[in-house]
Structure formats: C-alpha cells, structure tokens
C-alpha atoms as a PDB file:
ATOM      1  CA  UNK A   1     -23.188  -0.433   4.913  1.00  0.00           C
ATOM      2  CA  UNK A   2     -25.179   1.620   2.493  1.00  0.00           C
ATOM      3  CA  UNK A   3     -26.268   0.843  -1.070  1.00  0.00           C
ATOM      4  CA  UNK A   4     -25.319   2.669  -4.266  1.00  0.00           C
ATOM      5  CA  UNK A   5     -24.552   6.367  -3.983  1.00  0.00           C
ATOM      6  CA  UNK A   6     -24.838   6.566  -0.193  1.00  0.00           C
ATOM      7  CA  UNK A   7     -21.708   7.007   1.934  1.00  0.00           C
ATOM      8  CA  UNK A   8     -20.840   4.957   5.010  1.00  0.00           C
ATOM      9  CA  UNK A   9     -22.022   5.879   8.464  1.00  0.00           C
ATOM     10  CA  UNK A  10     -19.933   8.595  10.098  1.00  0.00           C
ATOM     11  CA  UNK A  11     -17.958   6.444  12.501  1.00  0.00           C
ATOM     12  CA  UNK A  12     -14.503   7.971  12.031  1.00  0.00           C
ATOM     13  CA  UNK A  13     -13.195  11.274  13.319  1.00  0.00           C
ATOM     14  CA  UNK A  14     -12.886  13.675  10.340  1.00  0.00           C
ATOM     15  CA  UNK A  15     -10.232  15.800  12.047  1.00  0.00           C
ATOM     16  CA  UNK A  16      -7.974  12.831  12.727  1.00  0.00           C
ATOM     17  CA  UNK A  17      -8.512  11.577   9.184  1.00  0.00           C
ATOM     18  CA  UNK A  18      -7.591  14.967   7.708  1.00  0.00           C
ATOM     19  CA  UNK A  19      -4.450  15.179   9.869  1.00  0.00           C
ATOM     20  CA  UNK A  20      -3.207  11.754   8.830  1.00  0.00           C
ATOM     21  CA  UNK A  21      -4.025  12.426   5.174  1.00  0.00           C
ATOM     22  CA  UNK A  22      -1.962  15.620   5.166  1.00  0.00           C
ATOM     23  CA  UNK A  23       0.920  13.797   6.829  1.00  0.00           C
ATOM     24  CA  UNK A  24       0.820  10.901   4.370  1.00  0.00           C
ATOM     25  CA  UNK A  25       0.727  13.184   1.334  1.00  0.00           C
ATOM     26  CA  UNK A  26       3.600  15.291   2.636  1.00  0.00           C
ATOM     27  CA  UNK A  27       5.697  12.189   3.295  1.00  0.00           C
ATOM     28  CA  UNK A  28       4.894  10.809  -0.162  1.00  0.00           C
ATOM     29  CA  UNK A  29       5.904  14.019  -1.931  1.00  0.00           C
ATOM     30  CA  UNK A  30       9.097  14.381   0.106  1.00  0.00           C
ATOM     31  CA  UNK A  31      10.196  10.772  -0.409  1.00  0.00           C
ATOM     32  CA  UNK A  32       9.351  10.721  -4.126  1.00  0.00           C
ATOM     33  CA  UNK A  33      11.231  13.988  -4.651  1.00  0.00           C
ATOM     34  CA  UNK A  34      14.175  12.638  -2.681  1.00  0.00           C
ATOM     35  CA  UNK A  35      14.330   9.483  -4.802  1.00  0.00           C
ATOM     36  CA  UNK A  36      14.253  11.460  -8.061  1.00  0.00           C
ATOM     37  CA  UNK A  37      16.881  13.906  -6.752  1.00  0.00           C
ATOM     38  CA  UNK A  38      19.171  11.041  -5.764  1.00  0.00           C
ATOM     39  CA  UNK A  39      18.859   9.504  -9.236  1.00  0.00           C
ATOM     40  CA  UNK A  40      19.563  12.884 -10.835  1.00  0.00           C
ATOM     41  CA  UNK A  41      22.703  13.395  -8.731  1.00  0.00           C
ATOM     42  CA  UNK A  42      23.925   9.909  -9.595  1.00  0.00           C
ATOM     43  CA  UNK A  43      23.289  10.450 -13.301  1.00  0.00           C
ATOM     44  CA  UNK A  44      24.996  13.864 -13.159  1.00  0.00           C
ATOM     45  CA  UNK A  45      28.040  12.350 -11.466  1.00  0.00           C
ATOM     46  CA  UNK A  46      28.207   9.674 -14.133  1.00  0.00           C
ATOM     47  CA  UNK A  47      27.637  11.735 -17.303  1.00  0.00           C
ATOM     48  CA  UNK A  48      26.695  15.301 -16.465  1.00  0.00           C
ATOM     49  CA  UNK A  49      23.544  16.935 -17.895  1.00  0.00           C
ATOM     50  CA  UNK A  50      23.338  14.336 -20.644  1.00  0.00           C
ATOM     51  CA  UNK A  51      23.237  11.599 -18.027  1.00  0.00           C
ATOM     52  CA  UNK A  52      20.282  13.278 -16.303  1.00  0.00           C
ATOM     53  CA  UNK A  53      18.462  13.516 -19.651  1.00  0.00           C
ATOM     54  CA  UNK A  54      18.998   9.849 -20.455  1.00  0.00           C
ATOM     55  CA  UNK A  55      17.974   8.853 -16.940  1.00  0.00           C
ATOM     56  CA  UNK A  56      14.720  10.789 -17.304  1.00  0.00           C
ATOM     57  CA  UNK A  57      13.943   9.188 -20.681  1.00  0.00           C
ATOM     58  CA  UNK A  58      14.859   5.689 -19.547  1.00  0.00           C
ATOM     59  CA  UNK A  59      12.982   6.037 -16.262  1.00  0.00           C
ATOM     60  CA  UNK A  60       9.797   7.278 -17.944  1.00  0.00           C
ATOM     61  CA  UNK A  61       9.780   4.416 -20.447  1.00  0.00           C
ATOM     62  CA  UNK A  62      10.478   1.861 -17.721  1.00  0.00           C
ATOM     63  CA  UNK A  63       7.625   3.133 -15.542  1.00  0.00           C
ATOM     64  CA  UNK A  64       5.169   2.994 -18.453  1.00  0.00           C
ATOM     65  CA  UNK A  65       6.206  -0.549 -19.362  1.00  0.00           C
ATOM     66  CA  UNK A  66       6.090  -1.682 -15.736  1.00  0.00           C
ATOM     67  CA  UNK A  67       2.587  -0.281 -15.228  1.00  0.00           C
ATOM     68  CA  UNK A  68       1.377  -1.914 -18.447  1.00  0.00           C
ATOM     69  CA  UNK A  69       2.838  -5.402 -18.178  1.00  0.00           C
ATOM     70  CA  UNK A  70       3.563  -5.969 -14.490  1.00  0.00           C
ATOM     71  CA  UNK A  71       0.007  -7.078 -13.620  1.00  0.00           C
ATOM     72  CA  UNK A  72       0.009 -10.022 -16.017  1.00  0.00           C
ATOM     73  CA  UNK A  73       3.481 -11.059 -14.880  1.00  0.00           C
ATOM     74  CA  UNK A  74       2.531 -10.928 -11.205  1.00  0.00           C
ATOM     75  CA  UNK A  75      -0.618 -12.994 -11.750  1.00  0.00           C
ATOM     76  CA  UNK A  76       1.357 -15.603 -13.698  1.00  0.00           C
ATOM     77  CA  UNK A  77       4.095 -15.668 -11.085  1.00  0.00           C
ATOM     78  CA  UNK A  78       1.639 -16.512  -8.300  1.00  0.00           C
ATOM     79  CA  UNK A  79      -0.401 -18.905 -10.435  1.00  0.00           C
ATOM     80  CA  UNK A  80      -3.546 -16.901  -9.680  1.00  0.00           C
ATOM     81  CA  UNK A  81      -6.825 -17.946 -11.231  1.00  0.00           C
ATOM     82  CA  UNK A  82      -9.796 -15.645 -11.689  1.00  0.00           C
ATOM     83  CA  UNK A  83     -12.793 -16.136  -9.406  1.00  0.00           C
ATOM     84  CA  UNK A  84     -16.130 -15.724 -11.136  1.00  0.00           C
ATOM     85  CA  UNK A  85     -19.209 -14.148  -9.539  1.00  0.00           C
ATOM     86  CA  UNK A  86     -20.942 -17.514  -9.674  1.00  0.00           C
ATOM     87  CA  UNK A  87     -18.140 -19.155  -7.675  1.00  0.00           C
ATOM     88  CA  UNK A  88     -17.947 -16.480  -4.968  1.00  0.00           C
ATOM     89  CA  UNK A  89     -20.898 -14.056  -5.207  1.00  0.00           C
ATOM     90  CA  UNK A  90     -20.455 -12.617  -1.705  1.00  0.00           C
ATOM     91  CA  UNK A  91     -16.892 -11.457  -2.314  1.00  0.00           C
ATOM     92  CA  UNK A  92     -17.855  -9.976  -5.676  1.00  0.00           C
ATOM     93  CA  UNK A  93     -20.674  -8.007  -4.070  1.00  0.00           C
ATOM     94  CA  UNK A  94     -18.341  -6.654  -1.393  1.00  0.00           C
ATOM     95  CA  UNK A  95     -15.692  -5.577  -3.896  1.00  0.00           C
ATOM     96  CA  UNK A  96     -18.287  -4.071  -6.252  1.00  0.00           C
ATOM     97  CA  UNK A  97     -19.852  -1.935  -3.523  1.00  0.00           C
ATOM     98  CA  UNK A  98     -16.459  -0.788  -2.236  1.00  0.00           C
ATOM     99  CA  UNK A  99     -15.304   0.020  -5.788  1.00  0.00           C
ATOM    100  CA  UNK A 100     -18.389   2.189  -6.279  1.00  0.00           C
ATOM    101  CA  UNK A 101     -17.647   4.063  -3.072  1.00  0.00           C
ATOM    102  CA  UNK A 102     -14.034   4.552  -4.125  1.00  0.00           C
ATOM    103  CA  UNK A 103     -15.154   6.017  -7.452  1.00  0.00           C
ATOM    104  CA  UNK A 104     -13.361   3.432  -9.570  1.00  0.00           C
ATOM    105  CA  UNK A 105     -14.533   3.305 -13.194  1.00  0.00           C
ATOM    106  CA  UNK A 106     -14.417  -0.495 -13.157  1.00  0.00           C
ATOM    107  CA  UNK A 107     -14.569  -3.112 -10.442  1.00  0.00           C
ATOM    108  CA  UNK A 108     -11.249  -4.941  -9.938  1.00  0.00           C
ATOM    109  CA  UNK A 109     -11.142  -8.566 -10.999  1.00  0.00           C
ATOM    110  CA  UNK A 110     -10.846 -11.124  -8.220  1.00  0.00           C
ATOM    111  CA  UNK A 111      -8.152 -13.804  -8.281  1.00  0.00           C
ATOM    112  CA  UNK A 112      -7.442 -16.698  -5.948  1.00  0.00           C
ATOM    113  CA  UNK A 113      -3.960 -17.964  -5.091  1.00  0.00           C
ATOM    114  CA  UNK A 114      -3.595 -21.497  -3.769  1.00  0.00           C
ATOM    115  CA  UNK A 115      -1.475 -20.834  -0.712  1.00  0.00           C
ATOM    116  CA  UNK A 116      -1.746 -21.296   3.030  1.00  0.00           C
ATOM    117  CA  UNK A 117      -0.199 -17.853   3.533  1.00  0.00           C
ATOM    118  CA  UNK A 118      -2.685 -15.272   4.818  1.00  0.00           C
ATOM    119  CA  UNK A 119      -2.213 -12.558   2.238  1.00  0.00           C
ATOM    120  CA  UNK A 120      -3.896 -10.266  -0.266  1.00  0.00           C
ATOM    121  CA  UNK A 121      -2.472  -7.821  -2.785  1.00  0.00           C
ATOM    122  CA  UNK A 122      -3.647  -5.601  -5.631  1.00  0.00           C
ATOM    123  CA  UNK A 123      -2.145  -4.789  -8.998  1.00  0.00           C
ATOM    124  CA  UNK A 124      -3.036  -2.801 -12.098  1.00  0.00           C
ATOM    125  CA  UNK A 125      -4.507   0.642 -12.701  1.00  0.00           C
ATOM    126  CA  UNK A 126      -7.784   2.344 -11.810  1.00  0.00           C
ATOM    127  CA  UNK A 127      -9.205   1.308 -15.192  1.00  0.00           C
ATOM    128  CA  UNK A 128      -7.916  -2.271 -15.162  1.00  0.00           C
ATOM    129  CA  UNK A 129      -6.989  -3.733 -11.775  1.00  0.00           C
ATOM    130  CA  UNK A 130      -7.009  -7.034  -9.927  1.00  0.00           C
ATOM    131  CA  UNK A 131      -7.130  -8.133  -6.304  1.00  0.00           C
ATOM    132  CA  UNK A 132      -5.544 -11.440  -5.341  1.00  0.00           C
ATOM    133  CA  UNK A 133      -6.504 -13.292  -2.192  1.00  0.00           C
ATOM    134  CA  UNK A 134      -5.052 -16.520  -0.849  1.00  0.00           C
ATOM    135  CA  UNK A 135      -6.948 -19.551   0.358  1.00  0.00           C
ATOM    136  CA  UNK A 136      -5.333 -19.030   3.755  1.00  0.00           C
ATOM    137  CA  UNK A 137      -6.842 -15.560   3.987  1.00  0.00           C
ATOM    138  CA  UNK A 138     -10.344 -16.818   3.211  1.00  0.00           C
ATOM    139  CA  UNK A 139     -10.019 -19.568   5.785  1.00  0.00           C
ATOM    140  CA  UNK A 140      -8.720 -17.385   8.635  1.00  0.00           C
ATOM    141  CA  UNK A 141     -10.520 -14.028   8.457  1.00  0.00           C
ATOM    142  CA  UNK A 142     -13.971 -13.201   9.744  1.00  0.00           C
ATOM    143  CA  UNK A 143     -16.389 -11.435   7.382  1.00  0.00           C
ATOM    144  CA  UNK A 144     -15.756  -8.082   9.063  1.00  0.00           C
ATOM    145  CA  UNK A 145     -11.984  -8.496   8.745  1.00  0.00           C
ATOM    146  CA  UNK A 146     -12.317  -9.622   5.130  1.00  0.00           C
ATOM    147  CA  UNK A 147     -14.203  -6.439   4.242  1.00  0.00           C
ATOM    148  CA  UNK A 148     -11.456  -4.347   5.861  1.00  0.00           C
ATOM    149  CA  UNK A 149      -8.725  -6.101   3.875  1.00  0.00           C
ATOM    150  CA  UNK A 150     -10.632  -5.718   0.595  1.00  0.00           C
ATOM    151  CA  UNK A 151     -11.128  -2.019   1.314  1.00  0.00           C
ATOM    152  CA  UNK A 152      -7.379  -1.672   1.958  1.00  0.00           C
ATOM    153  CA  UNK A 153      -6.505  -3.238  -1.403  1.00  0.00           C
ATOM    154  CA  UNK A 154      -9.115  -1.129  -3.190  1.00  0.00           C
ATOM    155  CA  UNK A 155      -7.636   1.975  -1.597  1.00  0.00           C
ATOM    156  CA  UNK A 156      -4.260   1.067  -3.123  1.00  0.00           C
ATOM    157  CA  UNK A 157      -5.912   0.939  -6.546  1.00  0.00           C
ATOM    158  CA  UNK A 158      -7.907   4.137  -6.031  1.00  0.00           C
ATOM    159  CA  UNK A 159      -4.804   6.052  -4.853  1.00  0.00           C
ATOM    160  CA  UNK A 160      -2.688   4.909  -7.805  1.00  0.00           C
ATOM    161  CA  UNK A 161      -0.165   3.233  -5.512  1.00  0.00           C
ATOM    162  CA  UNK A 162       0.791   0.709  -8.180  1.00  0.00           C
ATOM    163  CA  UNK A 163       2.117   3.560 -10.339  1.00  0.00           C
ATOM    164  CA  UNK A 164       3.802   5.213  -7.354  1.00  0.00           C
ATOM    165  CA  UNK A 165       5.622   2.067  -6.286  1.00  0.00           C
ATOM    166  CA  UNK A 166       6.521   1.167  -9.887  1.00  0.00           C
ATOM    167  CA  UNK A 167       8.157   4.580 -10.165  1.00  0.00           C
ATOM    168  CA  UNK A 168       9.975   4.095  -6.867  1.00  0.00           C
ATOM    169  CA  UNK A 169      11.214   0.653  -7.918  1.00  0.00           C
ATOM    170  CA  UNK A 170      12.467   1.902 -11.300  1.00  0.00           C
ATOM    171  CA  UNK A 171      14.224   4.893  -9.719  1.00  0.00           C
ATOM    172  CA  UNK A 172      15.897   2.720  -7.068  1.00  0.00           C
ATOM    173  CA  UNK A 173      17.060   0.169  -9.647  1.00  0.00           C
ATOM    174  CA  UNK A 174      18.388   2.814 -12.007  1.00  0.00           C
ATOM    175  CA  UNK A 175      20.223   4.511  -9.143  1.00  0.00           C
ATOM    176  CA  UNK A 176      21.884   1.221  -8.223  1.00  0.00           C
ATOM    177  CA  UNK A 177      22.852   0.382 -11.810  1.00  0.00           C
ATOM    178  CA  UNK A 178      24.293   3.833 -12.466  1.00  0.00           C
ATOM    179  CA  UNK A 179      26.220   3.759  -9.203  1.00  0.00           C
ATOM    180  CA  UNK A 180      27.852   0.426 -10.001  1.00  0.00           C
ATOM    181  CA  UNK A 181      28.624   1.495 -13.567  1.00  0.00           C
ATOM    182  CA  UNK A 182      30.102   4.777 -12.351  1.00  0.00           C
ATOM    183  CA  UNK A 183      32.320   3.042  -9.782  1.00  0.00           C
ATOM    184  CA  UNK A 184      33.617   0.619 -12.422  1.00  0.00           C
ATOM    185  CA  UNK A 185      34.493   3.490 -14.758  1.00  0.00           C
ATOM    186  CA  UNK A 186      36.294   5.284 -11.925  1.00  0.00           C
ATOM    187  CA  UNK A 187      38.314   2.200 -11.046  1.00  0.00           C
ATOM    188  CA  UNK A 188      39.328   1.755 -14.677  1.00  0.00           C
ATOM    189  CA  UNK A 189      40.383   5.394 -15.095  1.00  0.00           C
ATOM    190  CA  UNK A 190      41.902   5.832 -11.637  1.00  0.00           C
ATOM    191  CA  UNK A 191      45.500   4.688 -12.453  1.00  0.00           C
ATOM    192  CA  UNK A 192      45.708   7.035 -15.437  1.00  0.00           C
ATOM    193  CA  UNK A 193      44.276   9.921 -13.406  1.00  0.00           C
ATOM    194  CA  UNK A 194      46.742   9.383 -10.564  1.00  0.00           C
ATOM    195  CA  UNK A 195      49.652   9.128 -12.998  1.00  0.00           C
ATOM    196  CA  UNK A 196      48.651  12.477 -14.492  1.00  0.00           C
ATOM    197  CA  UNK A 197      48.516  14.139 -11.089  1.00  0.00           C
ATOM    198  CA  UNK A 198      44.722  14.519 -11.056  1.00  0.00           C
ATOM    199  CA  UNK A 199      42.909  14.572  -7.711  1.00  0.00           C
ATOM    200  CA  UNK A 200      40.578  11.743  -6.811  1.00  0.00           C
ATOM    201  CA  UNK A 201      36.936  12.975  -6.741  1.00  0.00           C
ATOM    202  CA  UNK A 202      36.214  11.560  -3.313  1.00  0.00           C
ATOM    203  CA  UNK A 203      32.813  13.287  -3.136  1.00  0.00           C
ATOM    204  CA  UNK A 204      31.649  11.540  -6.304  1.00  0.00           C
ATOM    205  CA  UNK A 205      33.039   8.227  -5.082  1.00  0.00           C
ATOM    206  CA  UNK A 206      31.209   8.565  -1.779  1.00  0.00           C
ATOM    207  CA  UNK A 207      27.946   9.444  -3.536  1.00  0.00           C
ATOM    208  CA  UNK A 208      28.195   6.431  -5.843  1.00  0.00           C
ATOM    209  CA  UNK A 209      28.943   4.172  -2.885  1.00  0.00           C
ATOM    210  CA  UNK A 210      26.001   5.226  -0.700  1.00  0.00           C
ATOM    211  CA  UNK A 211      23.405   6.030  -3.403  1.00  0.00           C
ATOM    212  CA  UNK A 212      22.077   2.431  -3.809  1.00  0.00           C
ATOM    213  CA  UNK A 213      21.571   2.040  -0.055  1.00  0.00           C
ATOM    214  CA  UNK A 214      19.881   5.411   0.305  1.00  0.00           C
ATOM    215  CA  UNK A 215      17.696   4.721  -2.748  1.00  0.00           C
ATOM    216  CA  UNK A 216      16.500   1.418  -1.308  1.00  0.00           C
ATOM    217  CA  UNK A 217      15.802   3.023   2.076  1.00  0.00           C
ATOM    218  CA  UNK A 218      13.732   5.762   0.419  1.00  0.00           C
ATOM    219  CA  UNK A 219      11.801   3.162  -1.579  1.00  0.00           C
ATOM    220  CA  UNK A 220      10.952   1.195   1.569  1.00  0.00           C
ATOM    221  CA  UNK A 221       9.934   4.357   3.427  1.00  0.00           C
ATOM    222  CA  UNK A 222       7.643   5.315   0.539  1.00  0.00           C
ATOM    223  CA  UNK A 223       6.070   1.859   0.631  1.00  0.00           C
ATOM    224  CA  UNK A 224       5.327   2.225   4.351  1.00  0.00           C
ATOM    225  CA  UNK A 225       3.770   5.642   3.799  1.00  0.00           C
ATOM    226  CA  UNK A 226       1.468   4.286   1.082  1.00  0.00           C
ATOM    227  CA  UNK A 227       0.406   1.481   3.429  1.00  0.00           C
ATOM    228  CA  UNK A 228      -0.612   4.055   6.036  1.00  0.00           C
ATOM    229  CA  UNK A 229      -2.593   5.924   3.368  1.00  0.00           C
ATOM    230  CA  UNK A 230      -4.283   2.710   2.207  1.00  0.00           C
ATOM    231  CA  UNK A 231      -5.288   1.969   5.818  1.00  0.00           C
ATOM    232  CA  UNK A 232      -6.789   5.438   6.033  1.00  0.00           C
ATOM    233  CA  UNK A 233      -8.586   4.972   2.727  1.00  0.00           C
ATOM    234  CA  UNK A 234      -9.985   1.628   3.861  1.00  0.00           C
ATOM    235  CA  UNK A 235     -11.379   3.152   7.054  1.00  0.00           C
ATOM    236  CA  UNK A 236     -12.951   5.943   5.005  1.00  0.00           C
ATOM    237  CA  UNK A 237     -14.585   3.431   2.639  1.00  0.00           C
ATOM    238  CA  UNK A 238     -16.038   1.184   5.329  1.00  0.00           C
ATOM    239  CA  UNK A 239     -16.474   3.556   8.268  1.00  0.00           C
ATOM    240  CA  UNK A 240     -15.110   0.667  10.360  1.00  0.00           C
ATOM    241  CA  UNK A 241     -11.423   1.038  11.329  1.00  0.00           C
ATOM    242  CA  UNK A 242     -11.718  -1.829  13.815  1.00  0.00           C
ATOM    243  CA  UNK A 243     -12.414  -4.368  11.057  1.00  0.00           C
ATOM    244  CA  UNK A 244      -9.081  -3.735   9.359  1.00  0.00           C
ATOM    245  CA  UNK A 245      -7.289  -3.398  12.713  1.00  0.00           C
ATOM    246  CA  UNK A 246      -8.508  -6.840  13.744  1.00  0.00           C
ATOM    247  CA  UNK A 247      -7.364  -8.328  10.437  1.00  0.00           C
ATOM    248  CA  UNK A 248      -3.893  -6.784  10.792  1.00  0.00           C
ATOM    249  CA  UNK A 249      -3.436  -8.152  14.298  1.00  0.00           C
ATOM    250  CA  UNK A 250      -4.560 -11.603  13.212  1.00  0.00           C
ATOM    251  CA  UNK A 251      -2.203 -11.567  10.207  1.00  0.00           C
ATOM    252  CA  UNK A 252       0.665 -10.522  12.460  1.00  0.00           C
ATOM    253  CA  UNK A 253       0.023 -13.445  14.835  1.00  0.00           C
ATOM    254  CA  UNK A 254      -0.350 -16.005  12.057  1.00  0.00           C
ATOM    255  CA  UNK A 255       2.629 -14.901   9.973  1.00  0.00           C
ATOM    256  CA  UNK A 256       4.788 -14.651  13.091  1.00  0.00           C
ATOM    257  CA  UNK A 257       4.046 -18.264  14.020  1.00  0.00           C
ATOM    258  CA  UNK A 258       4.800 -19.415  10.469  1.00  0.00           C
ATOM    259  CA  UNK A 259       8.183 -17.664  10.436  1.00  0.00           C
ATOM    260  CA  UNK A 260       9.131 -19.043  13.847  1.00  0.00           C
ATOM    261  CA  UNK A 261       8.167 -22.562  12.797  1.00  0.00           C
ATOM    262  CA  UNK A 262      10.523 -22.314   9.804  1.00  0.00           C
ATOM    263  CA  UNK A 263      13.511 -21.302  11.963  1.00  0.00           C
ATOM    264  CA  UNK A 264      15.741 -23.328  14.271  1.00  0.00           C
ATOM    265  CA  UNK A 265      14.647 -23.278  17.887  1.00  0.00           C
ATOM    266  CA  UNK A 266      15.692 -20.047  19.585  1.00  0.00           C
ATOM    267  CA  UNK A 267      16.389 -18.207  16.320  1.00  0.00           C
ATOM    268  CA  UNK A 268      14.872 -14.788  15.697  1.00  0.00           C
ATOM    269  CA  UNK A 269      14.619 -12.643  12.573  1.00  0.00           C
ATOM    270  CA  UNK A 270      16.009  -9.120  13.021  1.00  0.00           C
ATOM    271  CA  UNK A 271      13.261  -6.778  11.943  1.00  0.00           C
ATOM    272  CA  UNK A 272      14.417  -3.134  12.026  1.00  0.00           C
ATOM    273  CA  UNK A 273      11.698  -0.690  10.992  1.00  0.00           C
ATOM    274  CA  UNK A 274      13.774   0.922   8.234  1.00  0.00           C
ATOM    275  CA  UNK A 275      14.039  -2.417   6.393  1.00  0.00           C
ATOM    276  CA  UNK A 276      10.307  -3.149   6.322  1.00  0.00           C
ATOM    277  CA  UNK A 277       8.054  -2.728   3.280  1.00  0.00           C
ATOM    278  CA  UNK A 278       5.073  -2.385   5.643  1.00  0.00           C
ATOM    279  CA  UNK A 279       4.865  -0.340   8.849  1.00  0.00           C
ATOM    280  CA  UNK A 280       4.872  -1.989  12.251  1.00  0.00           C
ATOM    281  CA  UNK A 281       1.469  -3.562  12.873  1.00  0.00           C
ATOM    282  CA  UNK A 282       1.166  -1.938  16.298  1.00  0.00           C
ATOM    283  CA  UNK A 283       1.546   1.520  14.760  1.00  0.00           C
ATOM    284  CA  UNK A 284      -0.972   0.754  12.013  1.00  0.00           C
ATOM    285  CA  UNK A 285      -3.515  -0.472  14.545  1.00  0.00           C
ATOM    286  CA  UNK A 286      -2.901   2.546  16.777  1.00  0.00           C
ATOM    287  CA  UNK A 287      -3.580   4.952  13.920  1.00  0.00           C
ATOM    288  CA  UNK A 288      -6.686   3.079  12.841  1.00  0.00           C
ATOM    289  CA  UNK A 289      -8.137   3.131  16.338  1.00  0.00           C
ATOM    290  CA  UNK A 290      -7.440   6.844  16.642  1.00  0.00           C
ATOM    291  CA  UNK A 291      -9.824   7.312  13.717  1.00  0.00           C
ATOM    292  CA  UNK A 292     -12.796   5.994  15.672  1.00  0.00           C
ATOM    293  CA  UNK A 293     -15.173   8.790  16.530  1.00  0.00           C
ATOM    294  CA  UNK A 294     -16.870   8.967  19.882  1.00  0.00           C
ATOM    295  CA  UNK A 295     -20.676   8.590  19.582  1.00  0.00           C
ATOM    296  CA  UNK A 296     -21.249  12.185  20.681  1.00  0.00           C
ATOM    297  CA  UNK A 297     -19.394  13.397  17.618  1.00  0.00           C
ATOM    298  CA  UNK A 298     -22.131  12.226  15.313  1.00  0.00           C
ATOM    299  CA  UNK A 299     -25.206  11.725  17.514  1.00  0.00           C
ATOM    300  CA  UNK A 300     -25.673  14.001  20.519  1.00  0.00           C
ATOM    301  CA  UNK A 301     -28.437  12.194  22.383  1.00  0.00           C
ATOM    302  CA  UNK A 302     -28.010  14.325  25.526  1.00  0.00           C
ATOM    303  CA  UNK A 303     -29.326  17.436  23.780  1.00  0.00           C
ATOM    304  CA  UNK A 304     -32.387  15.665  22.344  1.00  0.00           C
ATOM    305  CA  UNK A 305     -35.746  15.953  24.119  1.00  0.00           C
ATOM    306  CA  UNK A 306     -36.860  12.706  25.670  1.00  0.00           C
ATOM    307  CA  UNK A 307     -40.114  11.256  24.373  1.00  0.00           C
ATOM    308  CA  UNK A 308     -41.493   8.274  26.232  1.00  0.00           C
ATOM    309  CA  UNK A 309     -41.551   5.136  24.117  1.00  0.00           C
ATOM    310  CA  UNK A 310     -39.479   6.669  21.336  1.00  0.00           C
ATOM    311  CA  UNK A 311     -35.775   6.255  20.669  1.00  0.00           C
ATOM    312  CA  UNK A 312     -33.694   9.326  19.765  1.00  0.00           C
ATOM    313  CA  UNK A 313     -31.877   7.206  17.156  1.00  0.00           C
ATOM    314  CA  UNK A 314     -33.495   7.569  13.708  1.00  0.00           C
ATOM    315  CA  UNK A 315     -35.031   4.424  12.260  1.00  0.00           C
ATOM    316  CA  UNK A 316     -32.854   3.260   9.366  1.00  0.00           C
ATOM    317  CA  UNK A 317     -35.437   0.767   8.135  1.00  0.00           C
ATOM    318  CA  UNK A 318     -34.927  -2.852   7.143  1.00  0.00           C
ATOM    319  CA  UNK A 319     -31.586  -3.950   5.663  1.00  0.00           C
ATOM    320  CA  UNK A 320     -31.535  -3.330   1.918  1.00  0.00           C
ATOM    321  CA  UNK A 321     -28.905  -5.966   1.170  1.00  0.00           C
ATOM    322  CA  UNK A 322     -28.192  -9.279   2.824  1.00  0.00           C
ATOM    323  CA  UNK A 323     -25.181 -11.495   2.375  1.00  0.00           C
ATOM    324  CA  UNK A 324     -25.495 -15.078   3.485  1.00  0.00           C
ATOM    325  CA  UNK A 325     -21.803 -15.457   4.342  1.00  0.00           C
ATOM    326  CA  UNK A 326     -20.429 -12.011   5.015  1.00  0.00           C
ATOM    327  CA  UNK A 327     -23.024 -10.450   7.281  1.00  0.00           C
ATOM    328  CA  UNK A 328     -25.590  -7.787   6.582  1.00  0.00           C
ATOM    329  CA  UNK A 329     -25.020  -4.682   4.466  1.00  0.00           C
ATOM    330  CA  UNK A 330     -27.191  -1.624   5.137  1.00  0.00           C
END
C-alpha cells in the first residue's frame, strides 16, 4: 500500500465499481424514502397533517440525540476499552493510513472487546468515531484479512452509515409506536362509531396493522444495502477485494460453527434473506470478486517492446513502510 497522499494500486475494475455504487445509492434513496413515506402515512392516519408535523419534529430530535449519545452507550454496553498506540502500534498505523485515504478529518479511536466472538463494528461520526474489535477477531484473522475488515468499518464511518441507520431505526420505532397507539384508539372508539352507524375505516386499520412489519423490513433492507456499499468502499480503499472476501468467508465458517454448537443436535436456525441485517456472505464475496481487475486492464505488457534483461513492470523501489506483524505496506 502507498504512503500519505498516494492512492492504492489499481487492482479493481472501475466500471464494475461504478455500477455497484450507482445501484447501492439508488437502493439507499429508495428505501430511505419508503421508510419516511410509511411513517408519514401512519402519522397522517393517526392525527392528520398535525400528526405528520409532530412525527417530523420528534424524528429529527431523536436522530440528533441518537447520533450524539449512542456511541458512548454502545461502548459501555460492550465493556470496550480503548487501545493505545503503544499497546498495538501496527493496528493504529493501519487505521491511520486507511483514514487518510478515506478523507476522514480524524482517525477513529480503537477499542478492544473481550469476547471470543469474531466481530468488529464502528460507531460515531466522521469527526468523532470509534472502531471496536474483539479478541476473537485478532486471534483468527490473517493480517491481510484484518486490513480488509478495518477498511470495511472505516467505509461505514466515511459514508455516514451511523447517521443513516440511526435515522432508519428511529423511523421504524416511531412507525411501530404510532401504529400500536392508533390501533388502541380505534378499538376504544369502535363501539361508539358502530352505534352511530359510522363505517369502519378498514384501509386505515390495515395500514396500522402492517406498517410495523413493513417498517422493520425496510430497515433491514437498508442495512444490507449499506453493508454492500461498505464492502465496495473497503475494496476501493485497499485495492484488495480478496482480503475482505477471505475475512467474510472465515467469519461465516466460525460463526456458523458457534451457532450450531449452541443448538440441540439436528436443530437449524431459519435464516431467510429478508430477516438479515447483513447480506448473504456468498453474495458479498461474489460482488467483491467481480471487482478484481484483470492485469491487462492496468498493465498491458503485450503491447510493450521487449528489452532483454529488463522487466516491463516499473520499479516501485524499496518498501517505504514496514509492519512487523501485519505485513509490508508500500
């Protein structure tokens, strides 16, 4: 990998990257708009235009509070402790270089969670973020896979996914609360309405019944889309889609064995795609490997004149950075 100010080697196909980026952005906009529209319809059914206004005010305040205080709560919940550069200099160097490539104004803080689970997650904003890694992840991943996972978490921070998912969570929760409240009010007023000869608003009842389920499904779909975009961002940061692909396959094998060990013999967990917060690992790996460029896309050696004793590949010089534990950075 390259030092400050120099991008990664061109090892991913720019056309494939652009196609996936357009798809991810379109899906994000469509799902976010759908979630907001569903909340607006629920609020309108409950209280008309005034309900929509109060939903907008309450949702905006909730998103701001969630973005401001959720990081500290998450770190406390997992019992994470900050890792200093002196304790883990290699990881700090990796995250610092990736943060510079991602254009973050400040390097995320590193935290360690004492857990055998193989996991990593990010929280916070572009200006103040944190990446948490578990002891299980450090013990199981190779250096190349570790770099891919760190790039994935940094991509979440760089893309503002914490804000996006906080918004989606608030909208889904508010939709559920308003739906339940609206159904209770309808049940209370239903006898009086029937006695007065009024018709039952079956359309409103149906909307209030299905809105929480649809809202949750949209939230999960948005989460999967942001995972695809973070995978794409990680490959763009490192120029090495295979590193992250290898880490994903390893995590799938390890977590699968842990779940099976916790279940009675012969039991299986139903895992429909629409109920997942993350996409299927096979699909993520397939997309990552599609990003790999063929060598002729970036170095056409066939068209170069042959000179005896001289390689057509330019000399990159000696490595500028060396890491004792996580390989060599160029």
